[in-house]
N, C-alpha and C. Protein backbone atom coordinates (compact mmCIF):
# COMPACT_ATOMS: atom_id res chain seq x y z
N UNK A 1 0.81 -1.20 0.00
CA UNK A 1 0.00 0.00 0.00
C UNK A 1 0.86 1.27 0.00
N UNK A 2 2.10 1.17 0.46
CA UNK A 2 2.97 2.34 0.51
C UNK A 2 4.00 2.38 -0.61
N UNK A 3 3.88 1.53 -1.63
CA UNK A 3 4.88 1.50 -2.71
C UNK A 3 4.39 2.22 -3.96
N UNK A 4 3.85 3.42 -3.81
CA UNK A 4 3.30 4.16 -4.95
C UNK A 4 4.32 4.31 -6.07
N UNK A 5 3.86 4.03 -7.29
CA UNK A 5 4.66 4.15 -8.50
C UNK A 5 5.92 3.28 -8.49
N UNK A 6 5.88 2.16 -7.79
CA UNK A 6 7.04 1.26 -7.72
C UNK A 6 6.76 -0.11 -8.33
N UNK A 7 5.51 -0.44 -8.60
CA UNK A 7 5.22 -1.76 -9.13
C UNK A 7 3.93 -1.75 -9.94
N UNK A 8 3.77 -2.79 -10.72
CA UNK A 8 2.56 -3.05 -11.50
C UNK A 8 2.34 -2.11 -12.68
N UNK A 9 3.31 -1.28 -13.02
CA UNK A 9 3.14 -0.38 -14.15
C UNK A 9 3.78 -1.00 -15.37
N UNK A 10 3.15 -0.85 -16.48
CA UNK A 10 3.74 -1.40 -17.70
C UNK A 10 2.99 -0.94 -18.93
N UNK A 11 3.70 -0.92 -20.03
CA UNK A 11 3.09 -0.64 -21.32
C UNK A 11 3.73 -1.58 -22.33
N UNK A 12 3.13 -1.68 -23.49
CA UNK A 12 3.61 -2.61 -24.50
C UNK A 12 3.67 -1.93 -25.85
N UNK A 13 4.68 -2.28 -26.62
CA UNK A 13 4.78 -1.89 -28.02
C UNK A 13 4.64 -3.18 -28.80
N UNK A 14 3.68 -3.24 -29.68
CA UNK A 14 3.40 -4.44 -30.45
C UNK A 14 3.68 -4.14 -31.92
N UNK A 15 4.59 -4.89 -32.51
CA UNK A 15 4.90 -4.74 -33.92
C UNK A 15 4.47 -6.00 -34.65
N UNK A 16 3.62 -5.83 -35.66
CA UNK A 16 3.11 -6.99 -36.41
C UNK A 16 2.82 -6.57 -37.85
N UNK A 17 3.37 -7.30 -38.78
CA UNK A 17 3.14 -7.04 -40.21
C UNK A 17 3.40 -5.58 -40.58
N UNK A 18 4.42 -5.00 -40.02
CA UNK A 18 4.79 -3.63 -40.36
C UNK A 18 4.00 -2.57 -39.63
N UNK A 19 3.07 -2.95 -38.79
CA UNK A 19 2.28 -1.99 -38.01
C UNK A 19 2.78 -1.95 -36.57
N UNK A 20 2.81 -0.76 -36.00
CA UNK A 20 3.31 -0.57 -34.64
C UNK A 20 2.17 -0.01 -33.78
N UNK A 21 1.85 -0.72 -32.71
CA UNK A 21 0.80 -0.31 -31.78
C UNK A 21 1.39 -0.17 -30.39
N UNK A 22 1.10 0.97 -29.77
CA UNK A 22 1.53 1.21 -28.40
C UNK A 22 0.31 1.10 -27.49
N UNK A 23 0.40 0.23 -26.48
CA UNK A 23 -0.66 0.09 -25.48
C UNK A 23 -0.12 0.66 -24.18
N UNK A 24 -0.71 1.77 -23.73
CA UNK A 24 -0.19 2.50 -22.59
C UNK A 24 -0.47 1.90 -21.23
N UNK A 25 -1.39 0.95 -21.13
CA UNK A 25 -1.70 0.37 -19.82
C UNK A 25 -2.14 1.43 -18.84
N UNK A 26 -1.71 1.32 -17.60
CA UNK A 26 -1.95 2.36 -16.59
C UNK A 26 -0.70 3.22 -16.51
N UNK A 27 -0.86 4.50 -16.63
CA UNK A 27 0.30 5.39 -16.57
C UNK A 27 -0.15 6.81 -16.28
N UNK A 28 0.74 7.55 -15.71
CA UNK A 28 0.56 8.99 -15.57
C UNK A 28 1.29 9.66 -16.74
N UNK A 29 1.03 10.92 -16.95
CA UNK A 29 1.71 11.66 -18.01
C UNK A 29 3.14 11.97 -17.57
N UNK A 30 4.07 11.88 -18.50
CA UNK A 30 5.45 12.21 -18.18
C UNK A 30 6.32 12.25 -19.42
N UNK A 31 7.58 12.55 -19.21
CA UNK A 31 8.53 12.68 -20.32
C UNK A 31 8.82 11.34 -20.99
N UNK A 32 8.40 10.24 -20.39
CA UNK A 32 8.66 8.93 -20.98
C UNK A 32 8.01 8.76 -22.35
N UNK A 33 6.96 9.51 -22.64
CA UNK A 33 6.33 9.40 -23.96
C UNK A 33 7.25 9.92 -25.06
N UNK A 34 7.96 10.98 -24.80
CA UNK A 34 8.93 11.50 -25.78
C UNK A 34 10.08 10.52 -25.97
N UNK A 35 10.49 9.87 -24.90
CA UNK A 35 11.56 8.87 -24.98
C UNK A 35 11.11 7.69 -25.83
N UNK A 36 9.88 7.25 -25.64
CA UNK A 36 9.33 6.15 -26.44
C UNK A 36 9.29 6.55 -27.91
N UNK A 37 8.87 7.79 -28.20
CA UNK A 37 8.80 8.27 -29.59
C UNK A 37 10.19 8.33 -30.23
N UNK A 38 11.22 8.59 -29.44
CA UNK A 38 12.58 8.59 -29.98
C UNK A 38 13.02 7.18 -30.35
N UNK A 39 12.59 6.21 -29.58
CA UNK A 39 12.96 4.81 -29.83
C UNK A 39 12.16 4.22 -30.98
N UNK A 40 10.88 4.56 -31.07
CA UNK A 40 9.98 4.05 -32.11
C UNK A 40 9.54 5.23 -32.96
N UNK A 41 10.17 5.39 -34.11
CA UNK A 41 9.97 6.58 -34.95
C UNK A 41 8.59 6.66 -35.60
N UNK A 42 7.93 5.52 -35.76
CA UNK A 42 6.64 5.52 -36.44
C UNK A 42 5.67 4.63 -35.65
N UNK A 43 4.73 5.26 -34.97
CA UNK A 43 3.72 4.54 -34.20
C UNK A 43 2.39 4.72 -34.91
N UNK A 44 1.80 3.62 -35.32
CA UNK A 44 0.53 3.69 -36.06
C UNK A 44 -0.65 3.93 -35.13
N UNK A 45 -0.69 3.20 -34.00
CA UNK A 45 -1.84 3.26 -33.09
C UNK A 45 -1.34 3.43 -31.66
N UNK A 46 -1.96 4.35 -30.93
CA UNK A 46 -1.69 4.49 -29.50
C UNK A 46 -3.00 4.31 -28.75
N UNK A 47 -3.04 3.30 -27.89
CA UNK A 47 -4.19 3.06 -27.01
C UNK A 47 -3.78 3.59 -25.64
N UNK A 48 -4.38 4.71 -25.24
CA UNK A 48 -3.97 5.41 -24.02
C UNK A 48 -5.14 5.62 -23.07
N UNK A 49 -4.89 5.45 -21.77
CA UNK A 49 -5.97 5.63 -20.80
C UNK A 49 -6.35 7.10 -20.64
N UNK A 50 -7.66 7.34 -20.54
CA UNK A 50 -8.18 8.70 -20.30
C UNK A 50 -8.87 8.78 -18.93
N UNK A 51 -8.85 7.72 -18.17
CA UNK A 51 -9.45 7.70 -16.85
C UNK A 51 -8.85 6.57 -16.04
N UNK A 52 -9.12 6.49 -14.78
CA UNK A 52 -9.93 7.43 -14.01
C UNK A 52 -9.22 8.77 -13.85
N UNK A 53 -10.02 9.82 -13.73
CA UNK A 53 -9.42 11.15 -13.70
C UNK A 53 -9.81 11.99 -12.48
N UNK A 54 -10.80 11.60 -11.75
CA UNK A 54 -11.24 12.39 -10.59
C UNK A 54 -11.24 11.55 -9.32
N UNK A 55 -10.86 12.06 -8.22
CA UNK A 55 -10.38 13.43 -7.97
C UNK A 55 -8.96 13.60 -8.52
N UNK A 56 -8.75 14.64 -9.32
CA UNK A 56 -7.50 14.84 -10.05
C UNK A 56 -6.28 14.91 -9.14
N UNK A 57 -6.39 15.55 -7.98
CA UNK A 57 -5.23 15.68 -7.10
C UNK A 57 -4.72 14.33 -6.63
N UNK A 58 -5.56 13.31 -6.60
CA UNK A 58 -5.14 11.97 -6.21
C UNK A 58 -4.69 11.16 -7.43
N UNK A 59 -5.43 11.30 -8.51
CA UNK A 59 -5.22 10.44 -9.67
C UNK A 59 -4.03 10.85 -10.53
N UNK A 60 -3.63 12.11 -10.51
CA UNK A 60 -2.64 12.61 -11.46
C UNK A 60 -1.28 11.94 -11.34
N UNK A 61 -0.97 11.33 -10.22
CA UNK A 61 0.32 10.69 -10.04
C UNK A 61 0.37 9.28 -10.62
N UNK A 62 -0.77 8.70 -10.92
CA UNK A 62 -0.77 7.35 -11.45
C UNK A 62 -1.71 7.13 -12.64
N UNK A 63 -2.53 8.15 -12.98
CA UNK A 63 -3.47 8.00 -14.09
C UNK A 63 -3.54 9.29 -14.90
N UNK A 64 -3.61 9.14 -16.22
CA UNK A 64 -3.79 10.30 -17.08
C UNK A 64 -5.26 10.65 -17.17
N UNK A 65 -5.54 11.92 -17.39
CA UNK A 65 -6.89 12.33 -17.75
C UNK A 65 -6.90 12.53 -19.27
N UNK A 66 -8.00 13.02 -19.79
CA UNK A 66 -8.14 13.18 -21.25
C UNK A 66 -7.08 14.12 -21.82
N UNK A 67 -6.84 15.25 -21.16
CA UNK A 67 -5.84 16.20 -21.65
C UNK A 67 -4.45 15.58 -21.66
N UNK A 68 -4.10 14.88 -20.59
CA UNK A 68 -2.79 14.22 -20.52
C UNK A 68 -2.65 13.19 -21.62
N UNK A 69 -3.68 12.39 -21.83
CA UNK A 69 -3.62 11.34 -22.85
C UNK A 69 -3.47 11.94 -24.24
N UNK A 70 -4.17 13.02 -24.51
CA UNK A 70 -4.04 13.68 -25.81
C UNK A 70 -2.61 14.20 -26.01
N UNK A 71 -2.05 14.81 -24.98
CA UNK A 71 -0.67 15.30 -25.07
C UNK A 71 0.32 14.14 -25.23
N UNK A 72 0.05 13.03 -24.58
CA UNK A 72 0.90 11.84 -24.73
C UNK A 72 0.85 11.32 -26.16
N UNK A 73 -0.34 11.29 -26.74
CA UNK A 73 -0.48 10.82 -28.11
C UNK A 73 0.26 11.73 -29.08
N UNK A 74 0.18 13.03 -28.84
CA UNK A 74 0.92 13.99 -29.65
C UNK A 74 2.42 13.74 -29.51
N UNK A 75 2.90 13.54 -28.27
CA UNK A 75 4.33 13.27 -28.04
C UNK A 75 4.78 11.99 -28.73
N UNK A 76 3.91 10.99 -28.76
CA UNK A 76 4.23 9.71 -29.41
C UNK A 76 4.19 9.81 -30.93
N UNK A 77 3.54 10.85 -31.45
CA UNK A 77 3.35 11.06 -32.89
C UNK A 77 2.59 9.89 -33.53
N UNK A 78 1.62 9.36 -32.79
CA UNK A 78 0.81 8.24 -33.29
C UNK A 78 -0.21 8.74 -34.31
N UNK A 79 -0.49 7.93 -35.29
CA UNK A 79 -1.45 8.29 -36.34
C UNK A 79 -2.89 8.07 -35.87
N UNK A 80 -3.13 7.03 -35.09
CA UNK A 80 -4.46 6.72 -34.58
C UNK A 80 -4.42 6.75 -33.05
N UNK A 81 -5.43 7.36 -32.46
CA UNK A 81 -5.53 7.50 -31.01
C UNK A 81 -6.79 6.77 -30.56
N UNK A 82 -6.60 5.74 -29.73
CA UNK A 82 -7.73 5.00 -29.16
C UNK A 82 -7.74 5.25 -27.66
N UNK A 83 -8.71 6.02 -27.15
CA UNK A 83 -8.80 6.22 -25.71
C UNK A 83 -9.34 4.97 -25.02
N UNK A 84 -8.70 4.60 -23.92
CA UNK A 84 -9.13 3.43 -23.16
C UNK A 84 -9.40 3.84 -21.71
N UNK A 85 -9.97 2.94 -20.95
CA UNK A 85 -10.31 3.15 -19.54
C UNK A 85 -11.41 4.19 -19.36
N UNK A 86 -12.47 4.04 -20.10
CA UNK A 86 -13.62 4.93 -19.93
C UNK A 86 -14.89 4.15 -20.31
N UNK A 87 -16.01 4.54 -19.73
CA UNK A 87 -17.31 4.02 -20.12
C UNK A 87 -17.62 2.60 -19.71
N UNK A 88 -16.81 1.99 -18.86
CA UNK A 88 -17.10 0.60 -18.45
C UNK A 88 -17.19 0.49 -16.94
N UNK A 89 -16.06 0.41 -16.28
CA UNK A 89 -16.04 0.21 -14.83
C UNK A 89 -15.88 1.53 -14.10
N UNK A 90 -16.59 1.67 -12.99
CA UNK A 90 -16.48 2.87 -12.17
C UNK A 90 -15.29 2.73 -11.24
N UNK A 91 -14.34 3.67 -11.33
CA UNK A 91 -13.18 3.62 -10.45
C UNK A 91 -12.95 4.95 -9.74
N UNK A 92 -12.84 6.02 -10.48
CA UNK A 92 -12.66 7.34 -9.88
C UNK A 92 -14.01 7.93 -9.49
N UNK A 93 -14.02 9.22 -9.23
CA UNK A 93 -15.27 9.89 -8.86
C UNK A 93 -16.05 10.41 -10.06
N UNK A 94 -15.52 10.26 -11.26
CA UNK A 94 -16.20 10.81 -12.43
C UNK A 94 -17.30 9.89 -12.93
N UNK A 95 -18.23 10.45 -13.68
CA UNK A 95 -19.23 9.65 -14.37
C UNK A 95 -18.55 8.89 -15.50
N UNK A 96 -19.13 7.80 -15.93
CA UNK A 96 -18.50 6.89 -16.90
C UNK A 96 -18.06 7.58 -18.19
N UNK A 97 -18.82 8.55 -18.67
CA UNK A 97 -18.51 9.17 -19.96
C UNK A 97 -17.79 10.50 -19.85
N UNK A 98 -17.47 10.95 -18.64
CA UNK A 98 -16.75 12.21 -18.47
C UNK A 98 -15.39 12.20 -19.19
N UNK A 99 -14.58 11.14 -19.08
CA UNK A 99 -13.29 11.17 -19.77
C UNK A 99 -13.41 11.37 -21.29
N UNK A 100 -14.34 10.68 -21.94
CA UNK A 100 -14.46 10.82 -23.39
C UNK A 100 -15.04 12.18 -23.75
N UNK A 101 -15.93 12.72 -22.93
CA UNK A 101 -16.45 14.07 -23.18
C UNK A 101 -15.34 15.11 -23.08
N UNK A 102 -14.46 14.95 -22.10
CA UNK A 102 -13.32 15.86 -21.96
C UNK A 102 -12.37 15.72 -23.15
N UNK A 103 -12.17 14.49 -23.60
CA UNK A 103 -11.29 14.27 -24.74
C UNK A 103 -11.86 14.92 -26.00
N UNK A 104 -13.15 14.79 -26.23
CA UNK A 104 -13.78 15.43 -27.39
C UNK A 104 -13.62 16.95 -27.32
N UNK A 105 -13.76 17.51 -26.12
CA UNK A 105 -13.57 18.95 -25.95
C UNK A 105 -12.14 19.34 -26.29
N UNK A 106 -11.15 18.57 -25.80
CA UNK A 106 -9.75 18.84 -26.13
C UNK A 106 -9.55 18.77 -27.64
N UNK A 107 -10.09 17.72 -28.24
CA UNK A 107 -9.95 17.50 -29.68
C UNK A 107 -10.52 18.68 -30.47
N UNK A 108 -11.70 19.15 -30.08
CA UNK A 108 -12.34 20.26 -30.78
C UNK A 108 -11.56 21.57 -30.64
N UNK A 109 -10.84 21.74 -29.54
CA UNK A 109 -10.11 22.99 -29.31
C UNK A 109 -8.65 22.91 -29.77
N UNK A 110 -8.25 21.78 -30.36
CA UNK A 110 -6.89 21.62 -30.87
C UNK A 110 -6.92 21.08 -32.31
N UNK A 111 -7.49 21.85 -33.23
CA UNK A 111 -7.60 21.36 -34.62
C UNK A 111 -6.26 21.15 -35.31
N UNK A 112 -5.19 21.72 -34.76
CA UNK A 112 -3.88 21.55 -35.38
C UNK A 112 -3.40 20.09 -35.38
N UNK A 113 -3.99 19.25 -34.56
CA UNK A 113 -3.59 17.84 -34.50
C UNK A 113 -4.51 16.93 -35.32
N UNK A 114 -5.60 17.47 -35.80
CA UNK A 114 -6.60 16.64 -36.46
C UNK A 114 -6.17 16.16 -37.84
N UNK A 115 -5.21 16.83 -38.44
CA UNK A 115 -4.73 16.40 -39.75
C UNK A 115 -3.75 15.23 -39.63
N UNK A 116 -2.99 15.19 -38.54
CA UNK A 116 -1.97 14.18 -38.35
C UNK A 116 -2.41 12.97 -37.52
N UNK A 117 -3.54 13.12 -36.81
CA UNK A 117 -3.96 12.07 -35.88
C UNK A 117 -5.47 11.86 -36.00
N UNK A 118 -5.87 10.60 -35.99
CA UNK A 118 -7.29 10.25 -36.07
C UNK A 118 -7.73 9.76 -34.70
N UNK A 119 -8.76 10.39 -34.17
CA UNK A 119 -9.32 10.00 -32.88
C UNK A 119 -10.44 8.99 -33.11
N UNK A 120 -10.34 7.85 -32.43
CA UNK A 120 -11.38 6.83 -32.49
C UNK A 120 -12.10 6.84 -31.15
N UNK A 121 -13.39 6.53 -31.16
CA UNK A 121 -14.19 6.50 -29.93
C UNK A 121 -14.93 5.18 -29.81
N UNK A 122 -14.21 4.09 -29.71
CA UNK A 122 -14.92 2.80 -29.65
C UNK A 122 -15.62 2.60 -28.31
N UNK A 123 -16.80 2.05 -28.38
CA UNK A 123 -17.51 1.65 -27.17
C UNK A 123 -16.96 0.30 -26.72
N UNK A 124 -17.25 -0.11 -25.51
CA UNK A 124 -16.75 -1.38 -24.97
C UNK A 124 -17.15 -2.53 -25.90
N UNK A 125 -16.18 -3.33 -26.29
CA UNK A 125 -16.42 -4.50 -27.13
C UNK A 125 -16.44 -4.22 -28.62
N UNK A 126 -16.37 -2.96 -29.01
CA UNK A 126 -16.42 -2.58 -30.41
C UNK A 126 -15.05 -2.78 -31.07
N UNK A 127 -15.02 -3.31 -32.27
CA UNK A 127 -13.78 -3.50 -33.00
C UNK A 127 -13.46 -2.30 -33.88
N UNK A 128 -12.18 -2.15 -34.20
CA UNK A 128 -11.72 -1.11 -35.12
C UNK A 128 -10.84 -1.79 -36.14
N UNK A 129 -11.10 -1.53 -37.41
CA UNK A 129 -10.28 -2.11 -38.46
C UNK A 129 -9.44 -1.00 -39.09
N UNK A 130 -8.15 -1.26 -39.24
CA UNK A 130 -7.24 -0.27 -39.83
C UNK A 130 -6.79 -0.73 -41.20
């Protein structure tokens, strides 16, 4: 209980048939996304958590919110952005769809990224074909 940010954290880079997918797992926002982008020059898909996000003062050290996830995707220079950790299980204090609503708001106010990155909004269990 007292080992905050010392265990159970992980992400995966999956390369298959010339496609590169980054799965962010559970993570907070940090400079590690730029380091990952330096190592992997071309990331096709980034699946990044957008929740739980509230209460922010507690969650920010171990979980990204929608704004953090969007900035992480920009840092990764991923072509496709799939937000994860929203709309299914209740964990933080936010309503189930608050993370995706915040992400849509970020997306609408940052049109400079819309040409280089495609935002997907899959519901739980929905497939995406690339």
